[in-house]
Amino acid sequence: MTFGRGGHLQCTCPGFEYRGECKHVRDVRKTALAD
């Protein structure tokens, strides 16, 4: 999990590469927004 250009989260898992979204990114966003 890394921050790409513009602060967007990026993941190297196959799901993210295929869809541009994955459970890893969703989990981090959910945790960050909960605070």
PDB file of N, CA and C in Angstrom:
ATOM      1  N   MET A   1       0.852  -1.166   0.000  1.00  0.00           N
ATOM      2  CA  MET A   1       0.000   0.000   0.000  1.00  0.00           C
ATOM      3  C   MET A   1       0.897   1.227   0.000  1.00  0.00           C
ATOM      4  N   THR A   2       0.676   2.105  -0.950  1.00  0.00           N
ATOM      5  CA  THR A   2       1.461   3.332  -1.048  1.00  0.00           C
ATOM      6  C   THR A   2       0.541   4.480  -1.434  1.00  0.00           C
ATOM      7  N   PHE A   3       1.039   5.686  -1.286  1.00  0.00           N
ATOM      8  CA  PHE A   3       0.327   6.861  -1.762  1.00  0.00           C
ATOM      9  C   PHE A   3       0.870   7.214  -3.134  1.00  0.00           C
ATOM     10  N   GLY A   4      -0.018   7.306  -4.100  1.00  0.00           N
ATOM     11  CA  GLY A   4       0.383   7.671  -5.445  1.00  0.00           C
ATOM     12  C   GLY A   4       0.365   9.179  -5.623  1.00  0.00           C
ATOM     13  N   ARG A   5       0.447   9.597  -6.863  1.00  0.00           N
ATOM     14  CA  ARG A   5       0.392  11.029  -7.159  1.00  0.00           C
ATOM     15  C   ARG A   5      -0.946  11.594  -6.700  1.00  0.00           C
ATOM     16  N   GLY A   6      -0.919  12.766  -6.145  1.00  0.00           N
ATOM     17  CA  GLY A   6      -2.141  13.410  -5.698  1.00  0.00           C
ATOM     18  C   GLY A   6      -2.676  12.844  -4.394  1.00  0.00           C
ATOM     19  N   GLY A   7      -1.898  11.980  -3.728  1.00  0.00           N
ATOM     20  CA  GLY A   7      -2.321  11.443  -2.448  1.00  0.00           C
ATOM     21  C   GLY A   7      -3.275  10.271  -2.514  1.00  0.00           C
ATOM     22  N   HIS A   8      -3.472   9.712  -3.693  1.00  0.00           N
ATOM     23  CA  HIS A   8      -4.363   8.563  -3.829  1.00  0.00           C
ATOM     24  C   HIS A   8      -3.673   7.299  -3.340  1.00  0.00           C
ATOM     25  N   LEU A   9      -4.440   6.442  -2.687  1.00  0.00           N
ATOM     26  CA  LEU A   9      -3.892   5.167  -2.234  1.00  0.00           C
ATOM     27  C   LEU A   9      -3.742   4.223  -3.408  1.00  0.00           C
ATOM     28  N   GLN A  10      -2.654   3.486  -3.418  1.00  0.00           N
ATOM     29  CA  GLN A  10      -2.412   2.481  -4.446  1.00  0.00           C
ATOM     30  C   GLN A  10      -1.991   1.192  -3.778  1.00  0.00           C
ATOM     31  N   CYS A  11      -2.374   0.078  -4.365  1.00  0.00           N
ATOM     32  CA  CYS A  11      -2.020  -1.231  -3.836  1.00  0.00           C
ATOM     33  C   CYS A  11      -1.464  -2.076  -4.981  1.00  0.00           C
ATOM     34  N   THR A  12      -0.628  -3.034  -4.638  1.00  0.00           N
ATOM     35  CA  THR A  12      -0.022  -3.876  -5.669  1.00  0.00           C
ATOM     36  C   THR A  12      -0.745  -5.204  -5.844  1.00  0.00           C
ATOM     37  N   CYS A  13      -1.863  -5.401  -5.151  1.00  0.00           N
ATOM     38  CA  CYS A  13      -2.573  -6.674  -5.277  1.00  0.00           C
ATOM     39  C   CYS A  13      -3.281  -6.759  -6.635  1.00  0.00           C
ATOM     40  N   PRO A  14      -3.554  -7.967  -7.108  1.00  0.00           N
ATOM     41  CA  PRO A  14      -4.200  -8.145  -8.421  1.00  0.00           C
ATOM     42  C   PRO A  14      -5.573  -7.476  -8.521  1.00  0.00           C
ATOM     43  N   GLY A  15      -6.329  -7.477  -7.442  1.00  0.00           N
ATOM     44  CA  GLY A  15      -7.656  -6.851  -7.462  1.00  0.00           C
ATOM     45  C   GLY A  15      -7.580  -5.361  -7.729  1.00  0.00           C
ATOM     46  N   PHE A  16      -6.606  -4.694  -7.115  1.00  0.00           N
ATOM     47  CA  PHE A  16      -6.458  -3.261  -7.334  1.00  0.00           C
ATOM     48  C   PHE A  16      -5.999  -2.985  -8.749  1.00  0.00           C
ATOM     49  N   GLU A  17      -5.074  -3.787  -9.236  1.00  0.00           N
ATOM     50  CA  GLU A  17      -4.583  -3.578 -10.601  1.00  0.00           C
ATOM     51  C   GLU A  17      -5.686  -3.790 -11.625  1.00  0.00           C
ATOM     52  N   TYR A  18      -6.626  -4.669 -11.325  1.00  0.00           N
ATOM     53  CA  TYR A  18      -7.719  -4.952 -12.259  1.00  0.00           C
ATOM     54  C   TYR A  18      -8.833  -3.914 -12.153  1.00  0.00           C
ATOM     55  N   ARG A  19      -9.265  -3.616 -10.928  1.00  0.00           N
ATOM     56  CA  ARG A  19     -10.419  -2.745 -10.711  1.00  0.00           C
ATOM     57  C   ARG A  19     -10.074  -1.320 -10.302  1.00  0.00           C
ATOM     58  N   GLY A  20      -8.876  -1.118  -9.782  1.00  0.00           N
ATOM     59  CA  GLY A  20      -8.534   0.189  -9.229  1.00  0.00           C
ATOM     60  C   GLY A  20      -9.088   0.364  -7.829  1.00  0.00           C
ATOM     61  N   GLU A  21      -9.511  -0.727  -7.211  1.00  0.00           N
ATOM     62  CA  GLU A  21     -10.079  -0.734  -5.867  1.00  0.00           C
ATOM     63  C   GLU A  21      -9.853  -2.117  -5.280  1.00  0.00           C
ATOM     64  N   CYS A  22      -9.603  -2.199  -3.987  1.00  0.00           N
ATOM     65  CA  CYS A  22      -9.425  -3.506  -3.350  1.00  0.00           C
ATOM     66  C   CYS A  22      -9.763  -3.399  -1.877  1.00  0.00           C
ATOM     67  N   LYS A  23      -9.834  -4.549  -1.216  1.00  0.00           N
ATOM     68  CA  LYS A  23     -10.181  -4.551   0.204  1.00  0.00           C
ATOM     69  C   LYS A  23      -9.128  -3.845   1.045  1.00  0.00           C
ATOM     70  N   HIS A  24      -7.890  -3.876   0.615  1.00  0.00           N
ATOM     71  CA  HIS A  24      -6.824  -3.222   1.370  1.00  0.00           C
ATOM     72  C   HIS A  24      -7.028  -1.707   1.391  1.00  0.00           C
ATOM     73  N   VAL A  25      -7.324  -1.135   0.244  1.00  0.00           N
ATOM     74  CA  VAL A  25      -7.553   0.305   0.147  1.00  0.00           C
ATOM     75  C   VAL A  25      -8.823   0.681   0.903  1.00  0.00           C
ATOM     76  N   ARG A  26      -9.873  -0.115   0.752  1.00  0.00           N
ATOM     77  CA  ARG A  26     -11.123   0.166   1.471  1.00  0.00           C
ATOM     78  C   ARG A  26     -10.920   0.140   2.980  1.00  0.00           C
ATOM     79  N   ASP A  27     -10.170  -0.833   3.477  1.00  0.00           N
ATOM     80  CA  ASP A  27      -9.918  -0.927   4.917  1.00  0.00           C
ATOM     81  C   ASP A  27      -9.161   0.292   5.435  1.00  0.00           C
ATOM     82  N   VAL A  28      -8.156   0.728   4.697  1.00  0.00           N
ATOM     83  CA  VAL A  28      -7.381   1.898   5.126  1.00  0.00           C
ATOM     84  C   VAL A  28      -8.251   3.145   5.099  1.00  0.00           C
ATOM     85  N   ARG A  29      -9.055   3.317   4.067  1.00  0.00           N
ATOM     86  CA  ARG A  29      -9.945   4.483   3.998  1.00  0.00           C
ATOM     87  C   ARG A  29     -10.946   4.471   5.140  1.00  0.00           C
ATOM     88  N   LYS A  30     -11.531   3.300   5.416  1.00  0.00           N
ATOM     89  CA  LYS A  30     -12.519   3.187   6.485  1.00  0.00           C
ATOM     90  C   LYS A  30     -11.893   3.555   7.828  1.00  0.00           C
ATOM     91  N   THR A  31     -10.684   3.074   8.065  1.00  0.00           N
ATOM     92  CA  THR A  31      -9.986   3.367   9.316  1.00  0.00           C
ATOM     93  C   THR A  31      -9.645   4.853   9.405  1.00  0.00           C
ATOM     94  N   ALA A  32      -9.187   5.425   8.318  1.00  0.00           N
ATOM     95  CA  ALA A  32      -8.798   6.839   8.317  1.00  0.00           C
ATOM     96  C   ALA A  32     -10.009   7.745   8.514  1.00  0.00           C
ATOM     97  N   LEU A  33     -11.136   7.393   7.934  1.00  0.00           N
ATOM     98  CA  LEU A  33     -12.331   8.225   8.054  1.00  0.00           C
ATOM     99  C   LEU A  33     -13.015   8.061   9.402  1.00  0.00           C
ATOM    100  N   ALA A  34     -12.740   6.982  10.106  1.00  0.00           N
ATOM    101  CA  ALA A  34     -13.359   6.743  11.407  1.00  0.00           C
ATOM    102  C   ALA A  34     -12.774   7.649  12.487  1.00  0.00           C
ATOM    103  N   ASP A  35     -11.559   8.132  12.284  1.00  0.00           N
ATOM    104  CA  ASP A  35     -10.912   8.978  13.304  1.00  0.00           C
ATOM    105  C   ASP A  35     -11.417  10.386  13.281  1.00  0.00           C
TER     106      ASP A  35
END
